[in-house]
């Protein structure tokens, strides 16, 4: 499971011109699911994201988690995080999980963020053509990959 996190002032995802998910300050989470992922990865990654100290304290040092900052998250499924571009000029998505596997894991990840104390947690619309607006703060962008972090 991969997550690309962007600290944001606000973020919104629209489908067919209508907002389906939006937050104020918080984390924009682009989430990729691979074939080997399951519920354990969703739980572990949500705990990691909720506890990451990527928000500034009073001294301007990144020392505050999303939970402690009282901010939310917008979770958007992003299968292209598993694009393999080593050969040719067209990406291969063979490592990305198929929708029947990926969709429930995206929902579980979002629910785990809620249980960890993030509020609000909004979601994109799985499988839809989405327009994502991110007002990246910093900019501060972070990459997490469970294969690199918990499978060692």
N, C-alpha and C. Protein backbone atom coordinates (compact mmCIF):
# COMPACT_ATOMS: atom_id res chain seq x y z
N UNK A 1 0.87 -1.16 0.00
CA UNK A 1 0.00 0.00 0.00
C UNK A 1 0.91 1.22 0.00
N UNK A 2 0.56 2.18 -0.82
CA UNK A 2 1.34 3.41 -0.90
C UNK A 2 0.43 4.60 -0.63
N UNK A 3 1.01 5.57 0.08
CA UNK A 3 0.28 6.81 0.32
C UNK A 3 1.20 7.98 0.01
N UNK A 4 0.69 8.88 -0.78
CA UNK A 4 1.37 10.16 -1.03
C UNK A 4 0.56 11.19 -0.25
N UNK A 5 1.19 11.75 0.78
CA UNK A 5 0.51 12.71 1.65
C UNK A 5 0.94 14.11 1.30
N UNK A 6 -0.02 15.00 1.24
CA UNK A 6 0.29 16.41 1.06
C UNK A 6 -0.42 17.19 2.15
N UNK A 7 0.38 17.93 2.90
CA UNK A 7 -0.20 18.81 3.91
C UNK A 7 -0.91 19.92 3.15
N UNK A 8 -2.16 20.19 3.52
CA UNK A 8 -2.92 21.17 2.75
C UNK A 8 -3.68 22.14 3.63
N UNK A 9 -3.99 23.29 3.04
CA UNK A 9 -4.87 24.26 3.69
C UNK A 9 -6.33 23.91 3.42
N UNK A 10 -6.55 23.33 2.24
CA UNK A 10 -7.86 22.79 1.88
C UNK A 10 -7.69 21.88 0.69
N UNK A 11 -8.63 20.95 0.54
CA UNK A 11 -8.61 20.03 -0.60
C UNK A 11 -10.05 19.63 -0.90
N UNK A 12 -10.27 19.36 -2.18
CA UNK A 12 -11.63 19.02 -2.63
C UNK A 12 -11.51 18.06 -3.81
N UNK A 13 -12.46 17.16 -3.91
CA UNK A 13 -12.54 16.27 -5.06
C UNK A 13 -13.96 16.38 -5.63
N UNK A 14 -14.03 16.59 -6.94
CA UNK A 14 -15.32 16.75 -7.63
C UNK A 14 -15.50 15.66 -8.68
N UNK A 15 -16.72 15.24 -8.84
CA UNK A 15 -17.11 14.29 -9.88
C UNK A 15 -18.28 14.92 -10.62
N UNK A 16 -18.14 15.05 -11.94
CA UNK A 16 -19.19 15.64 -12.78
C UNK A 16 -19.59 17.02 -12.27
N UNK A 17 -18.61 17.80 -11.82
CA UNK A 17 -18.87 19.17 -11.39
C UNK A 17 -19.40 19.32 -9.98
N UNK A 18 -19.58 18.21 -9.26
CA UNK A 18 -20.12 18.25 -7.90
C UNK A 18 -19.07 17.78 -6.91
N UNK A 19 -18.89 18.52 -5.82
CA UNK A 19 -17.96 18.12 -4.77
C UNK A 19 -18.49 16.85 -4.10
N UNK A 20 -17.64 15.82 -4.03
CA UNK A 20 -18.02 14.58 -3.34
C UNK A 20 -17.25 14.41 -2.04
N UNK A 21 -16.20 15.20 -1.86
CA UNK A 21 -15.42 15.16 -0.63
C UNK A 21 -14.58 16.41 -0.53
N UNK A 22 -14.51 16.98 0.66
CA UNK A 22 -13.67 18.16 0.86
C UNK A 22 -13.32 18.32 2.32
N UNK A 23 -12.16 18.93 2.54
CA UNK A 23 -11.70 19.23 3.90
C UNK A 23 -11.09 20.61 3.91
N UNK A 24 -10.94 21.17 5.09
CA UNK A 24 -10.15 22.37 5.29
C UNK A 24 -8.70 21.95 5.48
N UNK A 25 -8.05 22.47 6.49
CA UNK A 25 -6.66 22.12 6.75
C UNK A 25 -6.55 20.63 7.10
N UNK A 26 -5.47 20.02 6.63
CA UNK A 26 -5.26 18.61 6.93
C UNK A 26 -4.32 17.95 5.98
N UNK A 27 -4.64 16.68 5.69
CA UNK A 27 -3.82 15.87 4.80
C UNK A 27 -4.61 15.40 3.60
N UNK A 28 -4.07 15.65 2.43
CA UNK A 28 -4.58 15.05 1.20
C UNK A 28 -3.84 13.72 1.08
N UNK A 29 -4.58 12.61 1.01
CA UNK A 29 -3.97 11.29 0.94
C UNK A 29 -4.33 10.64 -0.39
N UNK A 30 -3.34 10.51 -1.27
CA UNK A 30 -3.51 9.74 -2.49
C UNK A 30 -3.06 8.33 -2.16
N UNK A 31 -3.97 7.35 -2.30
CA UNK A 31 -3.74 6.01 -1.78
C UNK A 31 -3.74 4.98 -2.90
N UNK A 32 -2.64 4.23 -3.00
CA UNK A 32 -2.53 3.15 -3.97
C UNK A 32 -2.53 1.80 -3.27
N UNK A 33 -3.26 0.84 -3.86
CA UNK A 33 -3.36 -0.50 -3.30
C UNK A 33 -2.72 -1.47 -4.30
N UNK A 34 -1.87 -2.36 -3.81
CA UNK A 34 -1.29 -3.37 -4.69
C UNK A 34 -1.89 -4.74 -4.38
N UNK A 35 -1.65 -5.68 -5.27
CA UNK A 35 -2.25 -7.02 -5.17
C UNK A 35 -1.98 -7.72 -3.84
N UNK A 36 -0.82 -7.51 -3.26
CA UNK A 36 -0.44 -8.20 -2.03
C UNK A 36 -1.04 -7.57 -0.78
N UNK A 37 -1.69 -6.43 -0.90
CA UNK A 37 -2.20 -5.71 0.27
C UNK A 37 -3.48 -6.33 0.82
N UNK A 38 -3.65 -6.15 2.11
CA UNK A 38 -4.85 -6.63 2.79
C UNK A 38 -5.19 -5.71 3.94
N UNK A 39 -6.11 -6.14 4.79
CA UNK A 39 -6.54 -5.31 5.92
C UNK A 39 -5.41 -4.90 6.85
N UNK A 40 -4.42 -5.75 7.06
CA UNK A 40 -3.32 -5.41 7.97
C UNK A 40 -2.56 -4.19 7.49
N UNK A 41 -2.36 -4.07 6.18
CA UNK A 41 -1.66 -2.90 5.64
C UNK A 41 -2.49 -1.64 5.81
N UNK A 42 -3.80 -1.75 5.60
CA UNK A 42 -4.68 -0.59 5.76
C UNK A 42 -4.65 -0.07 7.19
N UNK A 43 -4.72 -0.97 8.15
CA UNK A 43 -4.70 -0.59 9.56
C UNK A 43 -3.36 0.04 9.92
N UNK A 44 -2.27 -0.62 9.53
CA UNK A 44 -0.94 -0.12 9.87
C UNK A 44 -0.70 1.26 9.27
N UNK A 45 -1.05 1.41 7.98
CA UNK A 45 -0.80 2.67 7.31
C UNK A 45 -1.66 3.80 7.89
N UNK A 46 -2.90 3.53 8.23
CA UNK A 46 -3.76 4.56 8.82
C UNK A 46 -3.18 5.02 10.16
N UNK A 47 -2.71 4.09 10.97
CA UNK A 47 -2.10 4.47 12.25
C UNK A 47 -0.86 5.33 12.02
N UNK A 48 -0.07 4.95 11.04
CA UNK A 48 1.15 5.70 10.73
C UNK A 48 0.80 7.11 10.28
N UNK A 49 -0.15 7.24 9.36
CA UNK A 49 -0.55 8.55 8.84
C UNK A 49 -1.09 9.42 9.95
N UNK A 50 -1.97 8.88 10.78
CA UNK A 50 -2.58 9.66 11.86
C UNK A 50 -1.55 10.17 12.85
N UNK A 51 -0.49 9.40 13.07
CA UNK A 51 0.50 9.77 14.07
C UNK A 51 1.71 10.53 13.56
N UNK A 52 1.84 10.67 12.24
CA UNK A 52 3.00 11.38 11.70
C UNK A 52 3.02 12.83 12.16
N UNK A 53 4.14 13.26 12.66
CA UNK A 53 4.27 14.64 13.15
C UNK A 53 4.76 15.52 12.00
N UNK A 54 3.80 15.97 11.18
CA UNK A 54 4.13 16.75 9.99
C UNK A 54 3.52 18.15 10.01
N UNK A 55 2.90 18.52 11.13
CA UNK A 55 2.34 19.86 11.27
C UNK A 55 3.19 20.64 12.26
N UNK A 56 3.24 21.95 12.05
CA UNK A 56 4.12 22.80 12.85
C UNK A 56 3.60 23.01 14.26
N UNK A 57 4.54 23.04 15.21
CA UNK A 57 4.22 23.43 16.58
C UNK A 57 4.37 24.96 16.69
N UNK A 58 4.30 25.48 17.91
CA UNK A 58 4.38 26.93 18.12
C UNK A 58 5.71 27.51 17.66
N UNK A 59 6.75 26.69 17.64
CA UNK A 59 8.08 27.15 17.24
C UNK A 59 8.32 27.00 15.73
N UNK A 60 7.30 26.53 15.00
CA UNK A 60 7.45 26.36 13.57
C UNK A 60 8.18 25.08 13.17
N UNK A 61 8.24 24.12 14.09
CA UNK A 61 8.91 22.84 13.83
C UNK A 61 7.84 21.77 13.60
N UNK A 62 8.04 20.93 12.58
CA UNK A 62 7.09 19.84 12.34
C UNK A 62 7.18 18.86 13.50
N UNK A 63 6.23 18.99 14.42
CA UNK A 63 6.27 18.20 15.64
C UNK A 63 4.88 17.83 16.13
N UNK A 64 3.85 18.05 15.28
CA UNK A 64 2.47 17.83 15.69
C UNK A 64 1.80 16.90 14.67
N UNK A 65 1.10 15.89 15.16
CA UNK A 65 0.39 14.96 14.28
C UNK A 65 -0.92 15.57 13.81
N UNK A 66 -1.51 14.96 12.80
CA UNK A 66 -2.82 15.40 12.31
C UNK A 66 -3.87 15.29 13.42
N UNK A 67 -3.81 14.22 14.19
CA UNK A 67 -4.76 14.04 15.29
C UNK A 67 -4.59 15.16 16.31
N UNK A 68 -3.34 15.43 16.72
CA UNK A 68 -3.10 16.47 17.71
C UNK A 68 -3.39 17.87 17.17
N UNK A 69 -3.26 18.07 15.87
CA UNK A 69 -3.56 19.36 15.25
C UNK A 69 -5.06 19.56 15.06
N UNK A 70 -5.83 18.49 15.19
CA UNK A 70 -7.28 18.58 15.03
C UNK A 70 -7.71 18.82 13.60
N UNK A 71 -6.96 18.23 12.65
CA UNK A 71 -7.28 18.40 11.23
C UNK A 71 -7.77 17.09 10.64
N UNK A 72 -8.30 17.16 9.43
CA UNK A 72 -8.85 16.00 8.76
C UNK A 72 -8.00 15.47 7.64
N UNK A 73 -8.61 14.60 6.85
CA UNK A 73 -7.93 14.00 5.71
C UNK A 73 -8.93 13.79 4.59
N UNK A 74 -8.44 13.93 3.37
CA UNK A 74 -9.22 13.59 2.18
C UNK A 74 -8.50 12.44 1.51
N UNK A 75 -9.16 11.30 1.40
CA UNK A 75 -8.57 10.07 0.86
C UNK A 75 -9.09 9.84 -0.55
N UNK A 76 -8.15 9.73 -1.50
CA UNK A 76 -8.50 9.50 -2.89
C UNK A 76 -7.71 8.30 -3.41
N UNK A 77 -8.42 7.32 -3.92
CA UNK A 77 -7.78 6.14 -4.50
C UNK A 77 -6.96 6.56 -5.72
N UNK A 78 -5.74 6.02 -5.82
CA UNK A 78 -4.82 6.44 -6.88
C UNK A 78 -4.01 5.23 -7.35
N UNK A 79 -4.60 4.41 -8.23
CA UNK A 79 -3.92 3.20 -8.67
C UNK A 79 -2.63 3.50 -9.43
N UNK A 80 -2.51 4.71 -9.98
CA UNK A 80 -1.30 5.04 -10.74
C UNK A 80 -0.06 5.13 -9.86
N UNK A 81 -0.22 5.11 -8.53
CA UNK A 81 0.96 5.07 -7.66
C UNK A 81 1.72 3.76 -7.84
N UNK A 82 1.10 2.77 -8.46
CA UNK A 82 1.75 1.51 -8.75
C UNK A 82 2.12 1.36 -10.22
N UNK A 83 2.25 2.46 -10.91
CA UNK A 83 2.68 2.42 -12.31
C UNK A 83 4.12 1.93 -12.41
N UNK A 84 4.36 0.99 -13.30
CA UNK A 84 5.70 0.49 -13.58
C UNK A 84 6.11 1.08 -14.93
N UNK A 85 7.13 1.92 -14.90
CA UNK A 85 7.55 2.61 -16.12
C UNK A 85 8.97 2.24 -16.53
N UNK A 86 9.41 1.05 -16.12
CA UNK A 86 10.77 0.64 -16.44
C UNK A 86 10.95 0.29 -17.91
N UNK A 87 9.92 -0.21 -18.56
CA UNK A 87 10.03 -0.62 -19.96
C UNK A 87 9.06 0.18 -20.82
N UNK A 88 9.50 0.50 -22.03
CA UNK A 88 8.62 1.18 -22.97
C UNK A 88 8.26 2.58 -22.54
N UNK A 89 7.18 3.08 -23.13
CA UNK A 89 6.75 4.45 -22.84
C UNK A 89 5.36 4.52 -22.24
N UNK A 90 4.71 3.37 -22.09
CA UNK A 90 3.39 3.35 -21.49
C UNK A 90 3.46 2.63 -20.15
N UNK A 91 2.94 3.23 -19.09
CA UNK A 91 3.00 2.59 -17.77
C UNK A 91 2.21 1.28 -17.73
N UNK A 92 2.71 0.35 -16.95
CA UNK A 92 2.02 -0.90 -16.68
C UNK A 92 1.46 -0.81 -15.26
N UNK A 93 0.25 -1.29 -15.08
CA UNK A 93 -0.38 -1.25 -13.76
C UNK A 93 -0.61 -2.66 -13.22
N UNK A 94 0.21 -3.59 -13.63
CA UNK A 94 0.03 -4.99 -13.26
C UNK A 94 0.13 -5.22 -11.75
N UNK A 95 0.87 -4.39 -11.04
CA UNK A 95 1.01 -4.54 -9.58
C UNK A 95 -0.18 -3.96 -8.82
N UNK A 96 -0.94 -3.08 -9.46
CA UNK A 96 -2.09 -2.46 -8.78
C UNK A 96 -3.20 -3.49 -8.57
N UNK A 97 -3.85 -3.39 -7.43
CA UNK A 97 -4.96 -4.30 -7.13
C UNK A 97 -6.15 -3.99 -8.03
N UNK A 98 -6.90 -5.02 -8.38
CA UNK A 98 -8.13 -4.85 -9.15
C UNK A 98 -9.18 -4.17 -8.27
N UNK A 99 -10.12 -3.47 -8.87
CA UNK A 99 -11.15 -2.75 -8.09
C UNK A 99 -11.86 -3.57 -7.02
N UNK A 100 -12.26 -4.83 -7.26
CA UNK A 100 -12.95 -5.55 -6.19
C UNK A 100 -12.10 -5.74 -4.93
N UNK A 101 -10.78 -5.78 -5.08
CA UNK A 101 -9.90 -5.87 -3.92
C UNK A 101 -9.59 -4.48 -3.36
N UNK A 102 -9.34 -3.52 -4.24
CA UNK A 102 -8.87 -2.20 -3.82
C UNK A 102 -9.95 -1.37 -3.12
N UNK A 103 -11.15 -1.36 -3.66
CA UNK A 103 -12.19 -0.47 -3.11
C UNK A 103 -12.46 -0.70 -1.62
N UNK A 104 -12.66 -1.95 -1.17
CA UNK A 104 -12.90 -2.11 0.27
C UNK A 104 -11.70 -1.73 1.13
N UNK A 105 -10.48 -1.88 0.60
CA UNK A 105 -9.30 -1.50 1.37
C UNK A 105 -9.17 0.02 1.48
N UNK A 106 -9.56 0.74 0.44
CA UNK A 106 -9.56 2.21 0.51
C UNK A 106 -10.56 2.65 1.57
N UNK A 107 -11.74 2.06 1.57
CA UNK A 107 -12.76 2.41 2.56
C UNK A 107 -12.30 2.04 3.97
N UNK A 108 -11.66 0.88 4.12
CA UNK A 108 -11.16 0.47 5.43
C UNK A 108 -10.10 1.44 5.92
N UNK A 109 -9.19 1.86 5.04
CA UNK A 109 -8.16 2.82 5.41
C UNK A 109 -8.80 4.11 5.93
N UNK A 110 -9.80 4.64 5.21
CA UNK A 110 -10.48 5.86 5.63
C UNK A 110 -11.16 5.67 6.99
N UNK A 111 -11.80 4.53 7.17
CA UNK A 111 -12.47 4.25 8.45
C UNK A 111 -11.44 4.15 9.57
N UNK A 112 -10.30 3.56 9.30
CA UNK A 112 -9.24 3.47 10.31
C UNK A 112 -8.73 4.86 10.70
N UNK A 113 -8.64 5.77 9.73
CA UNK A 113 -8.24 7.15 10.06
C UNK A 113 -9.25 7.77 11.02
N UNK A 114 -10.53 7.52 10.78
CA UNK A 114 -11.57 8.04 11.68
C UNK A 114 -11.39 7.46 13.08
N UNK A 115 -11.16 6.17 13.16
CA UNK A 115 -10.98 5.52 14.47
C UNK A 115 -9.73 6.04 15.19
N UNK A 116 -8.75 6.46 14.42
CA UNK A 116 -7.52 7.02 15.02
C UNK A 116 -7.73 8.45 15.51
N UNK A 117 -8.85 9.08 15.14
CA UNK A 117 -9.17 10.40 15.66
C UNK A 117 -9.13 11.54 14.66
N UNK A 118 -8.86 11.25 13.39
CA UNK A 118 -8.91 12.33 12.41
C UNK A 118 -10.37 12.70 12.14
N UNK A 119 -10.62 14.00 12.01
CA UNK A 119 -11.98 14.48 11.78
C UNK A 119 -11.90 15.83 11.08
N UNK A 120 -12.54 15.98 9.95
CA UNK A 120 -13.28 14.97 9.22
C UNK A 120 -12.36 14.12 8.35
N UNK A 121 -12.88 12.98 7.92
CA UNK A 121 -12.22 12.17 6.89
C UNK A 121 -13.20 12.08 5.73
N UNK A 122 -12.82 12.71 4.62
CA UNK A 122 -13.64 12.69 3.41
C UNK A 122 -13.00 11.74 2.41
N UNK A 123 -13.78 11.32 1.43
CA UNK A 123 -13.28 10.38 0.43
C UNK A 123 -13.68 10.83 -0.96
N UNK A 124 -12.86 10.42 -1.92
CA UNK A 124 -13.22 10.59 -3.32
C UNK A 124 -14.24 9.53 -3.69
N UNK A 125 -14.55 9.42 -4.97
CA UNK A 125 -15.49 8.41 -5.44
C UNK A 125 -14.70 7.37 -6.21
N UNK A 126 -14.62 6.18 -5.66
CA UNK A 126 -13.79 5.13 -6.24
C UNK A 126 -14.18 4.86 -7.69
N UNK A 127 -13.19 4.81 -8.56
CA UNK A 127 -13.39 4.47 -9.96
C UNK A 127 -13.92 5.59 -10.84
N UNK A 128 -14.23 6.74 -10.26
CA UNK A 128 -14.77 7.85 -11.04
C UNK A 128 -13.65 8.71 -11.60
N UNK A 129 -13.96 9.44 -12.65
CA UNK A 129 -13.05 10.47 -13.16
C UNK A 129 -13.20 11.66 -12.24
N UNK A 130 -12.14 11.98 -11.50
CA UNK A 130 -12.22 12.99 -10.46
C UNK A 130 -11.35 14.20 -10.79
N UNK A 131 -11.81 15.35 -10.38
CA UNK A 131 -11.01 16.56 -10.41
C UNK A 131 -10.61 16.83 -8.96
N UNK A 132 -9.31 16.83 -8.71
CA UNK A 132 -8.80 16.99 -7.35
C UNK A 132 -8.13 18.35 -7.23
N UNK A 133 -8.57 19.13 -6.25
CA UNK A 133 -7.97 20.43 -5.97
C UNK A 133 -7.24 20.33 -4.64
N UNK A 134 -5.97 20.68 -4.65
CA UNK A 134 -5.17 20.63 -3.43
C UNK A 134 -4.46 21.97 -3.26
N UNK A 135 -4.68 22.60 -2.15
CA UNK A 135 -3.94 23.80 -1.81
C UNK A 135 -2.83 23.36 -0.85
N UNK A 136 -1.73 22.90 -1.46
CA UNK A 136 -0.62 22.31 -0.72
C UNK A 136 0.03 23.36 0.15
N UNK A 137 0.20 23.04 1.41
CA UNK A 137 0.81 23.97 2.36
C UNK A 137 2.26 23.58 2.58
N UNK A 138 3.14 24.50 2.38
CA UNK A 138 4.57 24.28 2.60
C UNK A 138 5.40 24.63 1.38
N UNK A 139 5.38 23.87 0.32
CA UNK A 139 4.72 22.57 0.18
C UNK A 139 5.40 21.50 1.02
N UNK A 140 4.58 20.63 1.56
CA UNK A 140 5.07 19.52 2.36
C UNK A 140 4.41 18.25 1.85
N UNK A 141 5.21 17.38 1.25
CA UNK A 141 4.71 16.15 0.64
C UNK A 141 5.52 14.97 1.17
N UNK A 142 4.82 13.88 1.51
CA UNK A 142 5.46 12.74 2.15
C UNK A 142 5.03 11.45 1.48
N UNK A 143 5.95 10.50 1.36
CA UNK A 143 5.72 9.23 0.68
C UNK A 143 5.83 8.10 1.69
N UNK A 144 4.81 7.25 1.75
CA UNK A 144 4.85 6.07 2.61
C UNK A 144 4.54 4.84 1.77
N UNK A 145 5.29 3.78 1.97
CA UNK A 145 5.08 2.54 1.25
C UNK A 145 5.21 1.40 2.26
N UNK A 146 4.12 0.66 2.47
CA UNK A 146 4.16 -0.40 3.48
C UNK A 146 5.18 -1.47 3.14
N UNK A 147 5.44 -1.71 1.86
CA UNK A 147 6.44 -2.71 1.48
C UNK A 147 7.82 -2.32 1.98
N UNK A 148 8.09 -1.02 2.03
CA UNK A 148 9.39 -0.55 2.51
C UNK A 148 9.41 -0.41 4.02
N UNK A 149 8.26 -0.23 4.64
CA UNK A 149 8.22 0.10 6.07
C UNK A 149 7.91 -1.07 6.99
N UNK A 150 7.02 -1.99 6.56
CA UNK A 150 6.64 -3.06 7.49
C UNK A 150 7.00 -4.45 7.02
N UNK A 151 7.44 -4.61 5.82
CA UNK A 151 7.74 -5.96 5.32
C UNK A 151 9.22 -6.28 5.34
N UNK A 152 10.01 -5.47 6.00
CA UNK A 152 11.45 -5.71 6.05
C UNK A 152 11.81 -6.76 7.06
